[in-house]
Amino acid sequence: MTVKQEKGGRRSGGLNWSHRRMKHRRRGHGNLGRYSKKPVTQTKMSSKTSKKVDLRLTCPVCSKKAVINRPRAKRVEVFRIL
């Protein structure tokens, strides 16, 4: 297999219909935390220090492709095993 590091695309952070529905059903009563939540600190709003890595594997014989999603990493090294 040949390995190539893919540039990660824009990841969707939205919720699908069923998750939106369950979120709405769990709301309950009261002020919905509008005045009882602590404000978000500036450190929570900062950007991430690492990206999620996608590795694309390609078979040299049949040219089938597969994508592996790896967790966050600052640097990815691919070793060749003979």
C-alpha atoms as a PDB file:
ATOM      1  CA  MET A   1       0.000   0.000   0.000  1.00  0.00           C
ATOM      2  CA  THR A   2       1.189   3.489  -0.755  1.00  0.00           C
ATOM      3  CA  VAL A   3       0.411   6.046   1.913  1.00  0.00           C
ATOM      4  CA  LYS A   4      -0.276   9.701   1.249  1.00  0.00           C
ATOM      5  CA  GLN A   5      -1.238  12.337   3.765  1.00  0.00           C
ATOM      6  CA  GLU A   6      -4.418  14.109   2.728  1.00  0.00           C
ATOM      7  CA  LYS A   7      -5.253  17.658   3.542  1.00  0.00           C
ATOM      8  CA  GLY A   8      -8.176  17.529   5.943  1.00  0.00           C
ATOM      9  CA  GLY A   9     -11.278  19.172   4.560  1.00  0.00           C
ATOM     10  CA  ARG A  10     -13.602  21.427   6.443  1.00  0.00           C
ATOM     11  CA  ARG A  11     -15.185  19.334   9.162  1.00  0.00           C
ATOM     12  CA  SER A  12     -18.868  19.816   9.795  1.00  0.00           C
ATOM     13  CA  GLY A  13     -19.827  20.776  13.311  1.00  0.00           C
ATOM     14  CA  GLY A  14     -23.569  20.906  12.748  1.00  0.00           C
ATOM     15  CA  LEU A  15     -26.120  18.533  14.172  1.00  0.00           C
ATOM     16  CA  ASN A  16     -28.347  16.338  12.096  1.00  0.00           C
ATOM     17  CA  TRP A  17     -32.131  16.302  12.447  1.00  0.00           C
ATOM     18  CA  SER A  18     -32.396  13.633  15.139  1.00  0.00           C
ATOM     19  CA  HIS A  19     -29.764  15.288  17.336  1.00  0.00           C
ATOM     20  CA  ARG A  20     -31.475  18.652  17.008  1.00  0.00           C
ATOM     21  CA  ARG A  21     -34.762  17.011  17.953  1.00  0.00           C
ATOM     22  CA  MET A  22     -33.314  15.324  21.043  1.00  0.00           C
ATOM     23  CA  LYS A  23     -31.604  18.543  22.066  1.00  0.00           C
ATOM     24  CA  HIS A  24     -34.949  20.305  21.856  1.00  0.00           C
ATOM     25  CA  ARG A  25     -36.698  17.584  23.887  1.00  0.00           C
ATOM     26  CA  ARG A  26     -34.076  17.740  26.653  1.00  0.00           C
ATOM     27  CA  ARG A  27     -34.485  21.475  27.146  1.00  0.00           C
ATOM     28  CA  GLY A  28     -36.976  21.298  30.016  1.00  0.00           C
ATOM     29  CA  HIS A  29     -38.189  24.375  31.874  1.00  0.00           C
ATOM     30  CA  GLY A  30     -36.649  27.557  33.163  1.00  0.00           C
ATOM     31  CA  ASN A  31     -34.426  30.172  31.622  1.00  0.00           C
ATOM     32  CA  LEU A  32     -32.420  27.563  29.628  1.00  0.00           C
ATOM     33  CA  GLY A  33     -29.192  28.627  31.334  1.00  0.00           C
ATOM     34  CA  ARG A  34     -29.311  32.079  29.810  1.00  0.00           C
ATOM     35  CA  TYR A  35     -28.457  33.814  33.073  1.00  0.00           C
ATOM     36  CA  SER A  36     -26.984  30.968  35.080  1.00  0.00           C
ATOM     37  CA  LYS A  37     -24.072  29.983  32.828  1.00  0.00           C
ATOM     38  CA  LYS A  38     -20.593  31.270  33.407  1.00  0.00           C
ATOM     39  CA  PRO A  39     -19.155  33.292  30.512  1.00  0.00           C
ATOM     40  CA  VAL A  40     -16.842  31.502  28.092  1.00  0.00           C
ATOM     41  CA  THR A  41     -13.227  32.292  28.846  1.00  0.00           C
ATOM     42  CA  GLN A  42     -10.834  33.520  26.200  1.00  0.00           C
ATOM     43  CA  THR A  43      -8.703  30.374  26.480  1.00  0.00           C
ATOM     44  CA  LYS A  44     -11.636  28.190  25.415  1.00  0.00           C
ATOM     45  CA  MET A  45     -12.148  30.296  22.291  1.00  0.00           C
ATOM     46  CA  SER A  46      -8.553  30.021  21.091  1.00  0.00           C
ATOM     47  CA  SER A  47      -7.678  27.972  18.027  1.00  0.00           C
ATOM     48  CA  LYS A  48      -6.503  24.375  18.204  1.00  0.00           C
ATOM     49  CA  THR A  49      -2.782  23.648  18.193  1.00  0.00           C
ATOM     50  CA  SER A  50      -2.991  20.502  16.060  1.00  0.00           C
ATOM     51  CA  LYS A  51      -5.007  19.194  13.130  1.00  0.00           C
ATOM     52  CA  LYS A  52      -6.684  15.868  12.550  1.00  0.00           C
ATOM     53  CA  VAL A  53      -4.777  13.833   9.986  1.00  0.00           C
ATOM     54  CA  ASP A  54      -6.272  11.827   7.108  1.00  0.00           C
ATOM     55  CA  LEU A  55      -4.119   9.121   5.531  1.00  0.00           C
ATOM     56  CA  ARG A  56      -5.020   7.824   2.057  1.00  0.00           C
ATOM     57  CA  LEU A  57      -3.967   4.242   1.369  1.00  0.00           C
ATOM     58  CA  THR A  58      -3.734   3.098  -2.258  1.00  0.00           C
ATOM     59  CA  CYS A  59      -3.191  -0.488  -3.382  1.00  0.00           C
ATOM     60  CA  PRO A  60      -0.579  -0.629  -6.177  1.00  0.00           C
ATOM     61  CA  VAL A  61      -2.121  -3.781  -7.674  1.00  0.00           C
ATOM     62  CA  CYS A  62      -5.846  -3.033  -7.885  1.00  0.00           C
ATOM     63  CA  SER A  63      -5.663   0.728  -7.128  1.00  0.00           C
ATOM     64  CA  LYS A  64      -8.341   0.533  -4.434  1.00  0.00           C
ATOM     65  CA  LYS A  65      -8.281   3.450  -2.035  1.00  0.00           C
ATOM     66  CA  ALA A  66      -9.105   3.742   1.647  1.00  0.00           C
ATOM     67  CA  VAL A  67      -8.991   6.720   3.982  1.00  0.00           C
ATOM     68  CA  ILE A  68      -7.940   6.387   7.620  1.00  0.00           C
ATOM     69  CA  ASN A  69      -8.795   9.185  10.043  1.00  0.00           C
ATOM     70  CA  ARG A  70      -6.138   9.587  12.704  1.00  0.00           C
ATOM     71  CA  PRO A  71      -6.494  11.553  15.947  1.00  0.00           C
ATOM     72  CA  ARG A  72      -4.954  14.949  16.489  1.00  0.00           C
ATOM     73  CA  ALA A  73      -1.222  15.147  15.959  1.00  0.00           C
ATOM     74  CA  LYS A  74       1.291  17.910  15.383  1.00  0.00           C
ATOM     75  CA  ARG A  75       3.497  15.726  13.195  1.00  0.00           C
ATOM     76  CA  VAL A  76       2.868  12.442  11.422  1.00  0.00           C
ATOM     77  CA  GLU A  77       5.669  10.146  10.296  1.00  0.00           C
ATOM     78  CA  VAL A  78       5.133   7.192   7.989  1.00  0.00           C
ATOM     79  CA  PHE A  79       7.781   4.473   8.133  1.00  0.00           C
ATOM     80  CA  ARG A  80       8.484   2.086   5.285  1.00  0.00           C
ATOM     81  CA  ILE A  81       8.781  -1.550   6.320  1.00  0.00           C
ATOM     82  CA  LEU A  82      10.564  -3.892   3.932  1.00  0.00           C
END
